C-alpha atoms as a PDB file:
ATOM      1  CA  UNK A   1      -0.052  -0.059   0.000  1.00  0.00           C
ATOM      2  CA  UNK A   2       2.898   2.372  -0.781  1.00  0.00           C
ATOM      3  CA  UNK A   3       1.091   4.601  -3.108  1.00  0.00           C
ATOM      4  CA  UNK A   4      -1.859   4.972  -0.632  1.00  0.00           C
ATOM      5  CA  UNK A   5       0.382   5.920   2.223  1.00  0.00           C
ATOM      6  CA  UNK A   6       2.311   8.411   0.018  1.00  0.00           C
ATOM      7  CA  UNK A   7      -1.016  10.123  -1.017  1.00  0.00           C
ATOM      8  CA  UNK A   8      -2.257  10.174   2.598  1.00  0.00           C
ATOM      9  CA  UNK A   9       1.075  11.806   3.662  1.00  0.00           C
ATOM     10  CA  UNK A  10       0.497  14.573   0.879  1.00  0.00           C
ATOM     11  CA  UNK A  11       3.319  13.331  -1.109  1.00  0.00           C
ATOM     12  CA  UNK A  12       3.254  13.113  -4.821  1.00  0.00           C
ATOM     13  CA  UNK A  13       2.818   9.620  -6.004  1.00  0.00           C
ATOM     14  CA  UNK A  14       1.916   7.152  -8.834  1.00  0.00           C
ATOM     15  CA  UNK A  15      -1.763   7.561  -9.680  1.00  0.00           C
ATOM     16  CA  UNK A  16      -1.822   4.454 -11.730  1.00  0.00           C
ATOM     17  CA  UNK A  17      -0.240   2.637  -8.759  1.00  0.00           C
ATOM     18  CA  UNK A  18      -2.728   4.090  -6.374  1.00  0.00           C
ATOM     19  CA  UNK A  19      -5.753   2.993  -8.436  1.00  0.00           C
ATOM     20  CA  UNK A  20      -4.112  -0.579  -8.678  1.00  0.00           C
ATOM     21  CA  UNK A  21      -3.780  -0.502  -4.804  1.00  0.00           C
ATOM     22  CA  UNK A  22      -7.288   0.527  -4.301  1.00  0.00           C
ATOM     23  CA  UNK A  23      -8.587  -1.949  -6.846  1.00  0.00           C
ATOM     24  CA  UNK A  24      -6.665  -4.579  -5.023  1.00  0.00           C
ATOM     25  CA  UNK A  25      -8.151  -3.420  -1.597  1.00  0.00           C
ATOM     26  CA  UNK A  26     -11.566  -3.341  -3.211  1.00  0.00           C
ATOM     27  CA  UNK A  27     -11.279  -6.978  -4.351  1.00  0.00           C
ATOM     28  CA  UNK A  28     -10.055  -7.944  -0.974  1.00  0.00           C
ATOM     29  CA  UNK A  29     -13.109  -6.363   0.548  1.00  0.00           C
ATOM     30  CA  UNK A  30     -15.550  -7.891  -1.956  1.00  0.00           C
ATOM     31  CA  UNK A  31     -13.965 -11.467  -1.147  1.00  0.00           C
ATOM     32  CA  UNK A  32     -13.941 -10.925   2.673  1.00  0.00           C
ATOM     33  CA  UNK A  33     -17.772  -9.920   2.469  1.00  0.00           C
ATOM     34  CA  UNK A  34     -18.641 -12.878   0.181  1.00  0.00           C
ATOM     35  CA  UNK A  35     -16.757 -15.268   2.585  1.00  0.00           C
ATOM     36  CA  UNK A  36     -18.733 -13.606   5.365  1.00  0.00           C
ATOM     37  CA  UNK A  37     -21.980 -14.214   3.692  1.00  0.00           C
ATOM     38  CA  UNK A  38     -21.257 -17.945   3.679  1.00  0.00           C
ATOM     39  CA  UNK A  39     -20.662 -17.832   7.533  1.00  0.00           C
ATOM     40  CA  UNK A  40     -23.618 -18.477  10.029  1.00  0.00           C
ATOM     41  CA  UNK A  41     -23.623 -16.915  13.242  1.00  0.00           C
ATOM     42  CA  UNK A  42     -25.862 -17.710  16.279  1.00  0.00           C
ATOM     43  CA  UNK A  43     -27.518 -15.997  19.205  1.00  0.00           C
ATOM     44  CA  UNK A  44     -29.985 -16.993  21.809  1.00  0.00           C
ATOM     45  CA  UNK A  45     -32.287 -15.265  24.188  1.00  0.00           C
ATOM     46  CA  UNK A  46     -30.997 -15.083  27.863  1.00  0.00           C
ATOM     47  CA  UNK A  47     -33.032 -18.148  28.754  1.00  0.00           C
ATOM     48  CA  UNK A  48     -31.662 -20.174  26.019  1.00  0.00           C
ATOM     49  CA  UNK A  49     -35.318 -21.052  24.846  1.00  0.00           C
ATOM     50  CA  UNK A  50     -34.982 -19.371  21.336  1.00  0.00           C
ATOM     51  CA  UNK A  51     -31.984 -19.720  19.162  1.00  0.00           C
ATOM     52  CA  UNK A  52     -31.549 -17.586  15.818  1.00  0.00           C
ATOM     53  CA  UNK A  53     -29.086 -18.180  13.254  1.00  0.00           C
ATOM     54  CA  UNK A  54     -28.131 -15.422  10.754  1.00  0.00           C
ATOM     55  CA  UNK A  55     -25.824 -15.078   7.769  1.00  0.00           C
ATOM     56  CA  UNK A  56     -22.717 -12.760   7.901  1.00  0.00           C
ATOM     57  CA  UNK A  57     -24.822 -10.073   6.031  1.00  0.00           C
ATOM     58  CA  UNK A  58     -27.466 -10.294   8.826  1.00  0.00           C
ATOM     59  CA  UNK A  59     -30.049 -12.399   6.975  1.00  0.00           C
ATOM     60  CA  UNK A  60     -32.122 -14.636   9.288  1.00  0.00           C
ATOM     61  CA  UNK A  61     -31.567 -18.288   8.281  1.00  0.00           C
ATOM     62  CA  UNK A  62     -32.943 -20.232  11.090  1.00  0.00           C
ATOM     63  CA  UNK A  63     -34.961 -20.004  14.208  1.00  0.00           C
ATOM     64  CA  UNK A  64     -35.463 -22.698  16.787  1.00  0.00           C
ATOM     65  CA  UNK A  65     -37.609 -22.918  19.926  1.00  0.00           C
ATOM     66  CA  UNK A  66     -37.147 -25.246  22.749  1.00  0.00           C
ATOM     67  CA  UNK A  67     -40.449 -27.340  22.752  1.00  0.00           C
ATOM     68  CA  UNK A  68     -40.176 -27.563  26.627  1.00  0.00           C
ATOM     69  CA  UNK A  69     -40.621 -23.775  26.721  1.00  0.00           C
ATOM     70  CA  UNK A  70     -44.094 -24.011  25.447  1.00  0.00           C
ATOM     71  CA  UNK A  71     -45.387 -26.631  27.717  1.00  0.00           C
ATOM     72  CA  UNK A  72     -44.326 -27.723  31.172  1.00  0.00           C
ATOM     73  CA  UNK A  73     -41.350 -26.203  32.905  1.00  0.00           C
ATOM     74  CA  UNK A  74     -41.159 -22.648  31.600  1.00  0.00           C
ATOM     75  CA  UNK A  75     -44.723 -22.208  30.227  1.00  0.00           C
ATOM     76  CA  UNK A  76     -44.118 -19.048  28.006  1.00  0.00           C
ATOM     77  CA  UNK A  77     -47.104 -17.205  26.718  1.00  0.00           C
ATOM     78  CA  UNK A  78     -47.172 -15.806  23.268  1.00  0.00           C
ATOM     79  CA  UNK A  79     -45.930 -12.338  24.375  1.00  0.00           C
ATOM     80  CA  UNK A  80     -42.986 -13.797  26.226  1.00  0.00           C
ATOM     81  CA  UNK A  81     -42.108 -16.045  23.335  1.00  0.00           C
ATOM     82  CA  UNK A  82     -42.260 -13.140  20.889  1.00  0.00           C
ATOM     83  CA  UNK A  83     -39.913 -11.249  23.162  1.00  0.00           C
ATOM     84  CA  UNK A  84     -37.600 -14.220  23.422  1.00  0.00           C
ATOM     85  CA  UNK A  85     -37.463 -14.446  19.536  1.00  0.00           C
ATOM     86  CA  UNK A  86     -36.513 -10.690  19.496  1.00  0.00           C
ATOM     87  CA  UNK A  87     -33.737 -11.099  21.868  1.00  0.00           C
ATOM     88  CA  UNK A  88     -32.372 -14.184  20.105  1.00  0.00           C
ATOM     89  CA  UNK A  89     -32.438 -12.381  16.718  1.00  0.00           C
ATOM     90  CA  UNK A  90     -30.717  -9.429  18.324  1.00  0.00           C
ATOM     91  CA  UNK A  91     -27.994 -11.647  19.866  1.00  0.00           C
ATOM     92  CA  UNK A  92     -27.393 -13.250  16.412  1.00  0.00           C
ATOM     93  CA  UNK A  93     -27.005  -9.831  14.715  1.00  0.00           C
ATOM     94  CA  UNK A  94     -24.768  -8.848  17.696  1.00  0.00           C
ATOM     95  CA  UNK A  95     -22.555 -11.882  16.791  1.00  0.00           C
ATOM     96  CA  UNK A  96     -22.784 -10.841  13.103  1.00  0.00           C
ATOM     97  CA  UNK A  97     -21.630  -7.245  13.856  1.00  0.00           C
ATOM     98  CA  UNK A  98     -18.794  -8.646  15.941  1.00  0.00           C
ATOM     99  CA  UNK A  99     -17.615 -10.780  13.182  1.00  0.00           C
ATOM    100  CA  UNK A 100     -17.951  -8.098  10.607  1.00  0.00           C
ATOM    101  CA  UNK A 101     -15.772  -5.817  12.760  1.00  0.00           C
ATOM    102  CA  UNK A 102     -13.140  -8.603  12.868  1.00  0.00           C
ATOM    103  CA  UNK A 103     -13.065  -8.969   9.165  1.00  0.00           C
ATOM    104  CA  UNK A 104     -12.809  -5.160   8.655  1.00  0.00           C
ATOM    105  CA  UNK A 105     -10.037  -4.684  11.083  1.00  0.00           C
ATOM    106  CA  UNK A 106      -8.125  -7.620   9.622  1.00  0.00           C
ATOM    107  CA  UNK A 107      -8.554  -5.768   6.177  1.00  0.00           C
ATOM    108  CA  UNK A 108      -7.594  -2.487   7.631  1.00  0.00           C
ATOM    109  CA  UNK A 109      -4.566  -4.083   9.374  1.00  0.00           C
ATOM    110  CA  UNK A 110      -3.495  -5.608   5.937  1.00  0.00           C
ATOM    111  CA  UNK A 111      -3.856  -2.224   4.258  1.00  0.00           C
ATOM    112  CA  UNK A 112      -1.752  -0.444   6.903  1.00  0.00           C
ATOM    113  CA  UNK A 113       0.770  -3.400   7.393  1.00  0.00           C
ATOM    114  CA  UNK A 114      -0.244  -3.761  11.035  1.00  0.00           C
ATOM    115  CA  UNK A 115      -2.420  -6.976  10.949  1.00  0.00           C
ATOM    116  CA  UNK A 116      -5.313  -5.384  12.667  1.00  0.00           C
ATOM    117  CA  UNK A 117      -3.455  -4.092  15.621  1.00  0.00           C
ATOM    118  CA  UNK A 118      -5.072  -0.760  16.738  1.00  0.00           C
ATOM    119  CA  UNK A 119      -6.651  -0.313  13.229  1.00  0.00           C
ATOM    120  CA  UNK A 120      -9.738   1.809  13.395  1.00  0.00           C
ATOM    121  CA  UNK A 121     -12.933   0.452  12.126  1.00  0.00           C
ATOM    122  CA  UNK A 122     -14.250   2.440   9.073  1.00  0.00           C
ATOM    123  CA  UNK A 123     -17.698   0.738   9.330  1.00  0.00           C
ATOM    124  CA  UNK A 124     -18.131   1.123  13.140  1.00  0.00           C
ATOM    125  CA  UNK A 125     -20.972   3.764  12.748  1.00  0.00           C
ATOM    126  CA  UNK A 126     -22.830   1.616  10.193  1.00  0.00           C
ATOM    127  CA  UNK A 127     -22.414  -1.662  12.217  1.00  0.00           C
ATOM    128  CA  UNK A 128     -23.797   0.199  15.278  1.00  0.00           C
ATOM    129  CA  UNK A 129     -26.697   1.397  13.254  1.00  0.00           C
ATOM    130  CA  UNK A 130     -27.427  -1.970  12.052  1.00  0.00           C
ATOM    131  CA  UNK A 131     -27.397  -3.537  15.525  1.00  0.00           C
ATOM    132  CA  UNK A 132     -29.682  -0.853  16.997  1.00  0.00           C
ATOM    133  CA  UNK A 133     -32.137  -1.352  14.106  1.00  0.00           C
ATOM    134  CA  UNK A 134     -31.661   2.115  12.697  1.00  0.00           C
END
């Protein structure tokens, strides 16, 4: 990332080289996000009754409910069950956000040559908005 660093420091640089580096970085981001889409991340409500699974892009892929929660021991009503589902999905999205943060930090570290150590997350605000549902 020699050319990007030169431009960031205000030095003259090789524009075609800069464009190649930017293209390589964009390709790396695309590949990382595609790989993330293949991942499955899970979360559950605090009681463990409901478990949700999402893709790396946040798409809900599965939802399971412990049948014992509907009868017998826990005896959840429909309102409590709906709340448990929401909590499980939010927990799965939280896991997705944490994984996305790891991927972006790794990419930022590669771009800076620091392997993610102390790298700022350029998508932090976006991830926070997604996790809050904004």
